[in-house]
Amino acid sequence: MNTLGDFSAQGIDGQAVSLKDYAGQVVLVVNTASKCGFTPQFTGLETVYQRFRDQGFVVLGFPCNQFLNQDPGSDSEIAEFCSLDYGVTFPMFAKIDVNGPDAHPLFQHLTHAAPGLLGSKKVKWNFTKFLIGKDGQVIDRYAPTTKPEDLVADIEKALSA
């Protein structure tokens, strides 16, 4: 059975990142977009990250342009937007696909470990969230409409496990 630490990804700065770096932490993986109706969730994601990061929690943002081309910029443009417009300090990664034949292996794993509505193995939209426990296993999947601040109780539970 795969865990978060079995995967790697390219950071938004182009550097390879082993997700083993987050072993033992509670992780919220989110596919993001800069020009989406849910883009203001960056504020909530940063707030939750700041609140719990010293307790072993991290948000990992993965930009994706698969939903109505809502993240068309380059990785450097996305990084600048997230930092300047939303004050994002949590780790962001290079733009990826979350669905289809070129879906990043992490998202292939996440969607199979925590299927969506009616057992769907696809990410339906930007800002789908996956909460991962300290053991690297998926705890739950949350819809794009679920605000980051609505995850506080689940994050606290995972941190105390």
N, C-alpha and C. Protein backbone atom coordinates (compact mmCIF):
# COMPACT_ATOMS: atom_id res chain seq x y z
N MET A 1 0.84 -1.18 0.00
CA MET A 1 0.00 0.00 0.00
C MET A 1 0.89 1.24 0.00
N ASN A 2 0.59 2.17 -0.89
CA ASN A 2 1.37 3.39 -0.99
C ASN A 2 1.04 4.37 0.12
N THR A 3 2.05 5.17 0.47
CA THR A 3 1.86 6.27 1.39
C THR A 3 2.37 7.54 0.69
N LEU A 4 2.10 8.68 1.27
CA LEU A 4 2.54 9.95 0.70
C LEU A 4 4.04 9.93 0.41
N GLY A 5 4.82 9.34 1.31
CA GLY A 5 6.27 9.31 1.17
C GLY A 5 6.79 8.51 0.00
N ASP A 6 5.92 7.75 -0.66
CA ASP A 6 6.34 6.97 -1.83
C ASP A 6 6.40 7.81 -3.10
N PHE A 7 6.01 9.08 -3.00
CA PHE A 7 5.91 9.92 -4.19
C PHE A 7 6.90 11.07 -4.13
N SER A 8 7.16 11.63 -5.29
CA SER A 8 7.96 12.85 -5.39
C SER A 8 7.25 13.76 -6.38
N ALA A 9 7.64 15.02 -6.35
CA ALA A 9 7.05 15.99 -7.26
C ALA A 9 8.06 17.10 -7.49
N GLN A 10 7.80 17.89 -8.49
CA GLN A 10 8.67 19.03 -8.78
C GLN A 10 8.12 20.25 -8.06
N GLY A 11 8.95 20.88 -7.26
CA GLY A 11 8.55 22.11 -6.60
C GLY A 11 8.28 23.19 -7.63
N ILE A 12 7.56 24.21 -7.23
CA ILE A 12 7.22 25.29 -8.16
C ILE A 12 8.48 26.03 -8.63
N ASP A 13 9.58 25.85 -7.88
CA ASP A 13 10.86 26.45 -8.25
C ASP A 13 11.67 25.54 -9.19
N GLY A 14 11.09 24.39 -9.56
CA GLY A 14 11.76 23.48 -10.48
C GLY A 14 12.60 22.40 -9.83
N GLN A 15 12.74 22.46 -8.52
CA GLN A 15 13.55 21.47 -7.79
C GLN A 15 12.73 20.22 -7.47
N ALA A 16 13.37 19.06 -7.57
CA ALA A 16 12.71 17.81 -7.21
C ALA A 16 12.50 17.77 -5.70
N VAL A 17 11.32 17.30 -5.28
CA VAL A 17 10.97 17.22 -3.87
C VAL A 17 10.48 15.81 -3.58
N SER A 18 11.12 15.15 -2.63
CA SER A 18 10.62 13.86 -2.15
C SER A 18 9.54 14.15 -1.12
N LEU A 19 8.38 13.55 -1.30
CA LEU A 19 7.31 13.77 -0.34
C LEU A 19 7.58 13.04 0.97
N LYS A 20 8.69 12.30 1.03
CA LYS A 20 9.16 11.74 2.30
C LYS A 20 9.53 12.86 3.26
N ASP A 21 9.80 14.04 2.70
CA ASP A 21 10.13 15.20 3.54
C ASP A 21 9.00 15.54 4.51
N TYR A 22 7.79 15.05 4.20
CA TYR A 22 6.61 15.37 5.02
C TYR A 22 6.17 14.18 5.87
N ALA A 23 7.03 13.17 5.97
CA ALA A 23 6.72 11.99 6.77
C ALA A 23 6.49 12.40 8.22
N GLY A 24 5.48 11.80 8.82
CA GLY A 24 5.16 12.08 10.22
C GLY A 24 4.32 13.32 10.44
N GLN A 25 3.99 14.03 9.36
CA GLN A 25 3.16 15.23 9.47
C GLN A 25 1.75 14.93 8.96
N VAL A 26 0.81 15.74 9.36
CA VAL A 26 -0.53 15.73 8.79
C VAL A 26 -0.46 16.66 7.59
N VAL A 27 -0.93 16.18 6.45
CA VAL A 27 -0.77 16.91 5.19
C VAL A 27 -2.12 17.11 4.53
N LEU A 28 -2.34 18.32 4.03
CA LEU A 28 -3.52 18.61 3.22
C LEU A 28 -3.02 18.88 1.80
N VAL A 29 -3.35 17.98 0.87
CA VAL A 29 -2.99 18.13 -0.53
C VAL A 29 -4.17 18.76 -1.26
N VAL A 30 -3.89 19.82 -2.02
CA VAL A 30 -4.95 20.56 -2.72
C VAL A 30 -4.52 20.84 -4.15
N ASN A 31 -5.41 20.57 -5.11
CA ASN A 31 -5.14 21.04 -6.47
C ASN A 31 -5.71 22.44 -6.59
N THR A 32 -4.87 23.38 -7.02
CA THR A 32 -5.22 24.79 -6.98
C THR A 32 -5.34 25.38 -8.39
N ALA A 33 -5.88 26.58 -8.46
CA ALA A 33 -5.96 27.34 -9.70
C ALA A 33 -6.03 28.82 -9.36
N SER A 34 -5.41 29.64 -10.19
CA SER A 34 -5.30 31.07 -9.92
C SER A 34 -6.49 31.89 -10.41
N LYS A 35 -7.30 31.33 -11.30
CA LYS A 35 -8.39 32.11 -11.89
C LYS A 35 -9.72 31.36 -11.77
N CYS A 36 -9.99 30.87 -10.58
CA CYS A 36 -11.17 30.06 -10.31
C CYS A 36 -12.03 30.76 -9.27
N GLY A 37 -13.30 30.48 -9.26
CA GLY A 37 -14.19 31.03 -8.24
C GLY A 37 -13.77 30.63 -6.84
N PHE A 38 -13.03 29.53 -6.71
CA PHE A 38 -12.57 29.06 -5.40
C PHE A 38 -11.18 29.58 -5.03
N THR A 39 -10.55 30.35 -5.93
CA THR A 39 -9.21 30.86 -5.69
C THR A 39 -9.07 31.57 -4.34
N PRO A 40 -10.09 32.31 -3.86
CA PRO A 40 -9.97 32.95 -2.54
C PRO A 40 -9.72 31.95 -1.40
N GLN A 41 -9.89 30.64 -1.66
CA GLN A 41 -9.58 29.66 -0.63
C GLN A 41 -8.09 29.65 -0.28
N PHE A 42 -7.24 30.25 -1.13
CA PHE A 42 -5.83 30.37 -0.76
C PHE A 42 -5.70 31.05 0.60
N THR A 43 -6.55 32.02 0.88
CA THR A 43 -6.51 32.72 2.17
C THR A 43 -6.78 31.75 3.31
N GLY A 44 -7.82 30.95 3.18
CA GLY A 44 -8.16 29.97 4.21
C GLY A 44 -7.09 28.90 4.36
N LEU A 45 -6.52 28.46 3.23
CA LEU A 45 -5.45 27.46 3.28
C LEU A 45 -4.24 28.01 4.04
N GLU A 46 -3.88 29.25 3.76
CA GLU A 46 -2.74 29.86 4.45
C GLU A 46 -3.04 30.04 5.94
N THR A 47 -4.26 30.43 6.27
CA THR A 47 -4.65 30.62 7.67
C THR A 47 -4.55 29.31 8.45
N VAL A 48 -5.08 28.23 7.87
CA VAL A 48 -5.03 26.92 8.52
C VAL A 48 -3.58 26.45 8.63
N TYR A 49 -2.80 26.67 7.58
CA TYR A 49 -1.38 26.30 7.61
C TYR A 49 -0.67 27.04 8.75
N GLN A 50 -0.86 28.34 8.84
CA GLN A 50 -0.20 29.12 9.89
C GLN A 50 -0.64 28.67 11.29
N ARG A 51 -1.90 28.32 11.42
CA ARG A 51 -2.44 27.93 12.73
C ARG A 51 -1.83 26.62 13.23
N PHE A 52 -1.60 25.68 12.32
CA PHE A 52 -1.20 24.33 12.74
C PHE A 52 0.21 23.90 12.34
N ARG A 53 0.94 24.72 11.61
CA ARG A 53 2.23 24.25 11.09
C ARG A 53 3.22 23.89 12.18
N ASP A 54 3.18 24.60 13.30
CA ASP A 54 4.11 24.30 14.39
C ASP A 54 3.73 23.02 15.14
N GLN A 55 2.56 22.48 14.81
CA GLN A 55 2.11 21.23 15.43
C GLN A 55 2.32 20.03 14.50
N GLY A 56 2.94 20.25 13.34
CA GLY A 56 3.20 19.15 12.42
C GLY A 56 2.20 19.03 11.29
N PHE A 57 1.71 20.16 10.81
CA PHE A 57 0.73 20.19 9.71
C PHE A 57 1.29 21.00 8.56
N VAL A 58 1.02 20.55 7.35
CA VAL A 58 1.45 21.29 6.17
C VAL A 58 0.40 21.18 5.07
N VAL A 59 0.27 22.25 4.30
CA VAL A 59 -0.56 22.26 3.10
C VAL A 59 0.38 22.14 1.91
N LEU A 60 0.05 21.30 0.94
CA LEU A 60 0.81 21.17 -0.29
C LEU A 60 -0.10 21.56 -1.45
N GLY A 61 0.26 22.61 -2.17
CA GLY A 61 -0.56 23.08 -3.28
C GLY A 61 -0.02 22.63 -4.62
N PHE A 62 -0.91 22.07 -5.43
CA PHE A 62 -0.55 21.57 -6.76
C PHE A 62 -1.40 22.28 -7.82
N PRO A 63 -0.85 23.31 -8.47
CA PRO A 63 -1.60 23.99 -9.52
C PRO A 63 -1.97 23.03 -10.65
N CYS A 64 -3.15 23.26 -11.21
CA CYS A 64 -3.65 22.41 -12.29
C CYS A 64 -4.44 23.29 -13.26
N ASN A 65 -4.24 23.07 -14.54
CA ASN A 65 -4.92 23.85 -15.57
C ASN A 65 -5.95 23.02 -16.33
N GLN A 66 -6.40 21.91 -15.76
CA GLN A 66 -7.30 21.00 -16.46
C GLN A 66 -8.77 21.40 -16.40
N PHE A 67 -9.12 22.38 -15.62
CA PHE A 67 -10.53 22.75 -15.45
C PHE A 67 -10.75 24.14 -16.04
N LEU A 68 -11.23 24.18 -17.26
CA LEU A 68 -11.52 25.43 -17.98
C LEU A 68 -10.31 26.37 -18.06
N ASN A 69 -9.11 25.79 -18.12
CA ASN A 69 -7.88 26.58 -18.26
C ASN A 69 -7.79 27.70 -17.22
N GLN A 70 -8.07 27.35 -15.97
CA GLN A 70 -8.12 28.36 -14.91
C GLN A 70 -6.78 28.58 -14.20
N ASP A 71 -5.72 27.96 -14.71
CA ASP A 71 -4.37 28.25 -14.21
C ASP A 71 -3.39 28.21 -15.38
N PRO A 72 -3.54 29.17 -16.33
CA PRO A 72 -2.77 29.13 -17.56
C PRO A 72 -1.33 29.61 -17.43
N GLY A 73 -0.98 30.27 -16.35
CA GLY A 73 0.35 30.87 -16.21
C GLY A 73 1.46 29.85 -16.06
N SER A 74 2.68 30.36 -16.16
CA SER A 74 3.86 29.53 -15.91
C SER A 74 3.98 29.29 -14.41
N ASP A 75 4.84 28.35 -14.04
CA ASP A 75 5.05 28.09 -12.61
C ASP A 75 5.52 29.35 -11.89
N SER A 76 6.41 30.12 -12.50
CA SER A 76 6.89 31.33 -11.84
C SER A 76 5.78 32.37 -11.71
N GLU A 77 4.90 32.47 -12.71
CA GLU A 77 3.77 33.40 -12.61
C GLU A 77 2.80 32.96 -11.51
N ILE A 78 2.57 31.66 -11.41
CA ILE A 78 1.68 31.13 -10.37
C ILE A 78 2.28 31.40 -8.99
N ALA A 79 3.57 31.15 -8.84
CA ALA A 79 4.24 31.38 -7.55
C ALA A 79 4.13 32.85 -7.15
N GLU A 80 4.36 33.74 -8.10
CA GLU A 80 4.28 35.17 -7.81
C GLU A 80 2.85 35.57 -7.42
N PHE A 81 1.87 35.07 -8.17
CA PHE A 81 0.46 35.36 -7.87
C PHE A 81 0.11 34.90 -6.45
N CYS A 82 0.45 33.65 -6.12
CA CYS A 82 0.10 33.10 -4.81
C CYS A 82 0.74 33.89 -3.68
N SER A 83 1.98 34.27 -3.88
CA SER A 83 2.71 35.02 -2.85
C SER A 83 2.19 36.44 -2.72
N LEU A 84 2.09 37.16 -3.83
CA LEU A 84 1.70 38.57 -3.78
C LEU A 84 0.23 38.77 -3.47
N ASP A 85 -0.64 37.98 -4.11
CA ASP A 85 -2.08 38.20 -3.95
C ASP A 85 -2.67 37.54 -2.72
N TYR A 86 -2.06 36.43 -2.27
CA TYR A 86 -2.64 35.69 -1.14
C TYR A 86 -1.67 35.43 0.00
N GLY A 87 -0.44 35.86 -0.12
CA GLY A 87 0.52 35.67 0.97
C GLY A 87 0.83 34.22 1.26
N VAL A 88 0.74 33.38 0.23
CA VAL A 88 0.97 31.94 0.43
C VAL A 88 2.42 31.67 0.81
N THR A 89 2.59 30.95 1.92
CA THR A 89 3.92 30.51 2.35
C THR A 89 4.04 28.99 2.40
N PHE A 90 2.91 28.28 2.27
CA PHE A 90 2.99 26.82 2.27
C PHE A 90 3.60 26.34 0.94
N PRO A 91 4.14 25.12 0.92
CA PRO A 91 4.80 24.63 -0.29
C PRO A 91 3.85 24.52 -1.49
N MET A 92 4.32 25.06 -2.60
CA MET A 92 3.61 24.95 -3.86
C MET A 92 4.48 24.15 -4.82
N PHE A 93 3.83 23.43 -5.70
CA PHE A 93 4.53 22.56 -6.63
C PHE A 93 4.28 23.01 -8.06
N ALA A 94 5.05 22.42 -8.98
CA ALA A 94 4.89 22.72 -10.39
C ALA A 94 3.51 22.27 -10.86
N LYS A 95 3.01 22.93 -11.88
CA LYS A 95 1.69 22.61 -12.42
C LYS A 95 1.68 21.16 -12.91
N ILE A 96 0.58 20.47 -12.59
CA ILE A 96 0.43 19.06 -12.95
C ILE A 96 -0.96 18.80 -13.51
N ASP A 97 -1.15 17.61 -14.06
CA ASP A 97 -2.48 17.09 -14.37
C ASP A 97 -2.92 16.24 -13.19
N VAL A 98 -4.20 16.32 -12.87
CA VAL A 98 -4.75 15.51 -11.77
C VAL A 98 -5.66 14.41 -12.30
N ASN A 99 -6.02 14.47 -13.57
CA ASN A 99 -6.89 13.47 -14.21
C ASN A 99 -6.27 13.03 -15.53
N GLY A 100 -6.76 11.90 -16.02
CA GLY A 100 -6.35 11.45 -17.35
C GLY A 100 -5.06 10.67 -17.37
N PRO A 101 -4.59 10.35 -18.57
CA PRO A 101 -3.41 9.50 -18.71
C PRO A 101 -2.12 10.13 -18.20
N ASP A 102 -2.08 11.45 -18.12
CA ASP A 102 -0.88 12.13 -17.63
C ASP A 102 -1.03 12.62 -16.19
N ALA A 103 -2.04 12.11 -15.49
CA ALA A 103 -2.23 12.51 -14.09
C ALA A 103 -1.00 12.16 -13.27
N HIS A 104 -0.62 13.08 -12.40
CA HIS A 104 0.53 12.85 -11.53
C HIS A 104 0.25 11.60 -10.70
N PRO A 105 1.27 10.75 -10.51
CA PRO A 105 1.07 9.51 -9.73
C PRO A 105 0.48 9.75 -8.33
N LEU A 106 0.83 10.86 -7.69
CA LEU A 106 0.25 11.16 -6.38
C LEU A 106 -1.26 11.27 -6.48
N PHE A 107 -1.76 11.97 -7.48
CA PHE A 107 -3.21 12.15 -7.61
C PHE A 107 -3.88 10.87 -8.08
N GLN A 108 -3.18 10.05 -8.85
CA GLN A 108 -3.74 8.73 -9.18
C GLN A 108 -3.96 7.95 -7.88
N HIS A 109 -2.98 8.00 -7.00
CA HIS A 109 -3.09 7.31 -5.71
C HIS A 109 -4.20 7.90 -4.85
N LEU A 110 -4.22 9.22 -4.72
CA LEU A 110 -5.21 9.87 -3.85
C LEU A 110 -6.64 9.59 -4.30
N THR A 111 -6.90 9.66 -5.60
CA THR A 111 -8.27 9.46 -6.09
C THR A 111 -8.71 8.01 -5.96
N HIS A 112 -7.76 7.08 -5.95
CA HIS A 112 -8.13 5.67 -5.74
C HIS A 112 -8.29 5.37 -4.25
N ALA A 113 -7.46 6.02 -3.42
CA ALA A 113 -7.54 5.78 -1.97
C ALA A 113 -8.77 6.45 -1.36
N ALA A 114 -9.21 7.56 -1.95
CA ALA A 114 -10.37 8.29 -1.45
C ALA A 114 -11.24 8.73 -2.63
N PRO A 115 -12.04 7.79 -3.16
CA PRO A 115 -12.88 8.13 -4.31
C PRO A 115 -13.87 9.24 -3.98
N GLY A 116 -14.29 9.92 -5.02
CA GLY A 116 -15.26 10.99 -4.86
C GLY A 116 -16.68 10.48 -4.84
N LEU A 117 -17.61 11.39 -5.08
CA LEU A 117 -19.03 11.08 -5.09
C LEU A 117 -19.32 9.92 -6.03
N LEU A 118 -20.11 8.99 -5.59
CA LEU A 118 -20.48 7.80 -6.37
C LEU A 118 -19.27 6.97 -6.79
N GLY A 119 -18.20 7.04 -6.01
CA GLY A 119 -17.02 6.23 -6.28
C GLY A 119 -16.12 6.74 -7.39
N SER A 120 -16.32 7.97 -7.81
CA SER A 120 -15.52 8.55 -8.90
C SER A 120 -14.04 8.53 -8.55
N LYS A 121 -13.23 8.13 -9.51
CA LYS A 121 -11.78 8.12 -9.36
C LYS A 121 -11.16 9.35 -9.99
N LYS A 122 -11.95 10.39 -10.19
CA LYS A 122 -11.46 11.63 -10.79
C LYS A 122 -11.56 12.78 -9.80
N VAL A 123 -10.75 13.78 -10.03
CA VAL A 123 -10.89 15.05 -9.34
C VAL A 123 -11.90 15.84 -10.15
N LYS A 124 -12.95 16.31 -9.50
CA LYS A 124 -14.03 16.99 -10.23
C LYS A 124 -13.71 18.44 -10.56
N TRP A 125 -12.93 19.12 -9.72
CA TRP A 125 -12.71 20.55 -9.93
C TRP A 125 -11.52 21.01 -9.10
N ASN A 126 -11.14 22.26 -9.33
CA ASN A 126 -10.07 22.90 -8.56
C ASN A 126 -10.43 22.93 -7.07
N PHE A 127 -9.42 22.88 -6.24
CA PHE A 127 -9.52 22.97 -4.79
C PHE A 127 -10.21 21.75 -4.16
N THR A 128 -10.07 20.59 -4.81
CA THR A 128 -10.40 19.32 -4.15
C THR A 128 -9.26 19.09 -3.15
N LYS A 129 -9.61 18.63 -1.97
CA LYS A 129 -8.64 18.50 -0.89
C LYS A 129 -8.57 17.06 -0.38
N PHE A 130 -7.36 16.64 -0.02
CA PHE A 130 -7.14 15.31 0.54
C PHE A 130 -6.36 15.47 1.84
N LEU A 131 -6.91 14.98 2.94
CA LEU A 131 -6.23 15.02 4.23
C LEU A 131 -5.50 13.70 4.44
N ILE A 132 -4.22 13.81 4.76
CA ILE A 132 -3.37 12.64 4.92
C ILE A 132 -2.82 12.63 6.35
N GLY A 133 -2.89 11.47 6.99
CA GLY A 133 -2.44 11.34 8.36
C GLY A 133 -0.94 11.23 8.49
N LYS A 134 -0.48 11.23 9.73
CA LYS A 134 0.95 11.13 10.04
C LYS A 134 1.58 9.86 9.47
N ASP A 135 0.75 8.83 9.27
CA ASP A 135 1.24 7.56 8.72
C ASP A 135 1.32 7.58 7.20
N GLY A 136 0.97 8.71 6.58
CA GLY A 136 1.03 8.82 5.13
C GLY A 136 -0.20 8.30 4.40
N GLN A 137 -1.20 7.85 5.16
CA GLN A 137 -2.42 7.30 4.57
C GLN A 137 -3.50 8.38 4.45
N VAL A 138 -4.30 8.26 3.39
CA VAL A 138 -5.38 9.22 3.17
C VAL A 138 -6.46 9.02 4.22
N ILE A 139 -6.83 10.11 4.88
CA ILE A 139 -7.90 10.09 5.87
C ILE A 139 -9.23 10.39 5.22
N ASP A 140 -9.27 11.44 4.39
CA ASP A 140 -10.53 11.85 3.79
C ASP A 140 -10.29 12.74 2.59
N ARG A 141 -11.35 12.89 1.80
CA ARG A 141 -11.37 13.74 0.62
C ARG A 141 -12.48 14.76 0.82
N TYR A 142 -12.22 16.00 0.39
CA TYR A 142 -13.18 17.08 0.57
C TYR A 142 -13.46 17.77 -0.77
N ALA A 143 -14.69 18.14 -0.96
CA ALA A 143 -15.12 18.79 -2.19
C ALA A 143 -14.53 20.20 -2.29
N PRO A 144 -14.46 20.72 -3.52
CA PRO A 144 -13.97 22.08 -3.71
C PRO A 144 -14.75 23.12 -2.91
N THR A 145 -16.02 22.86 -2.66
CA THR A 145 -16.86 23.80 -1.92
C THR A 145 -16.56 23.81 -0.42
N THR A 146 -15.85 22.79 0.06
CA THR A 146 -15.50 22.73 1.49
C THR A 146 -14.39 23.74 1.76
N LYS A 147 -14.67 24.69 2.61
CA LYS A 147 -13.70 25.73 2.93
C LYS A 147 -12.62 25.17 3.85
N PRO A 148 -11.38 25.62 3.68
CA PRO A 148 -10.30 25.12 4.54
C PRO A 148 -10.60 25.25 6.03
N GLU A 149 -11.24 26.34 6.43
CA GLU A 149 -11.53 26.52 7.85
C GLU A 149 -12.53 25.49 8.37
N ASP A 150 -13.29 24.86 7.47
CA ASP A 150 -14.22 23.80 7.88
C ASP A 150 -13.52 22.48 8.17
N LEU A 151 -12.22 22.42 7.92
CA LEU A 151 -11.44 21.20 8.14
C LEU A 151 -10.73 21.19 9.49
N VAL A 152 -10.85 22.26 10.24
CA VAL A 152 -10.10 22.41 11.49
C VAL A 152 -10.29 21.22 12.42
N ALA A 153 -11.51 20.78 12.65
CA ALA A 153 -11.75 19.65 13.58
C ALA A 153 -11.06 18.39 13.08
N ASP A 154 -11.12 18.13 11.78
CA ASP A 154 -10.47 16.94 11.22
C ASP A 154 -8.95 17.05 11.32
N ILE A 155 -8.41 18.23 11.11
CA ILE A 155 -6.97 18.44 11.23
C ILE A 155 -6.54 18.22 12.69
N GLU A 156 -7.29 18.78 13.61
CA GLU A 156 -6.95 18.61 15.04
C GLU A 156 -6.99 17.15 15.43
N LYS A 157 -8.00 16.43 14.95
CA LYS A 157 -8.12 15.00 15.25
C LYS A 157 -6.91 14.23 14.69
N ALA A 158 -6.52 14.56 13.46
CA ALA A 158 -5.39 13.87 12.84
C ALA A 158 -4.09 14.20 13.57
N LEU A 159 -3.95 15.43 14.01
CA LEU A 159 -2.73 15.83 14.74
C LEU A 159 -2.64 15.13 16.09
N SER A 160 -3.77 14.84 16.71
CA SER A 160 -3.75 14.19 18.02
C SER A 160 -3.67 12.67 17.94
N ALA A 161 -3.79 12.13 16.74
CA ALA A 161 -3.76 10.66 16.57
C ALA A 161 -2.37 10.11 16.78
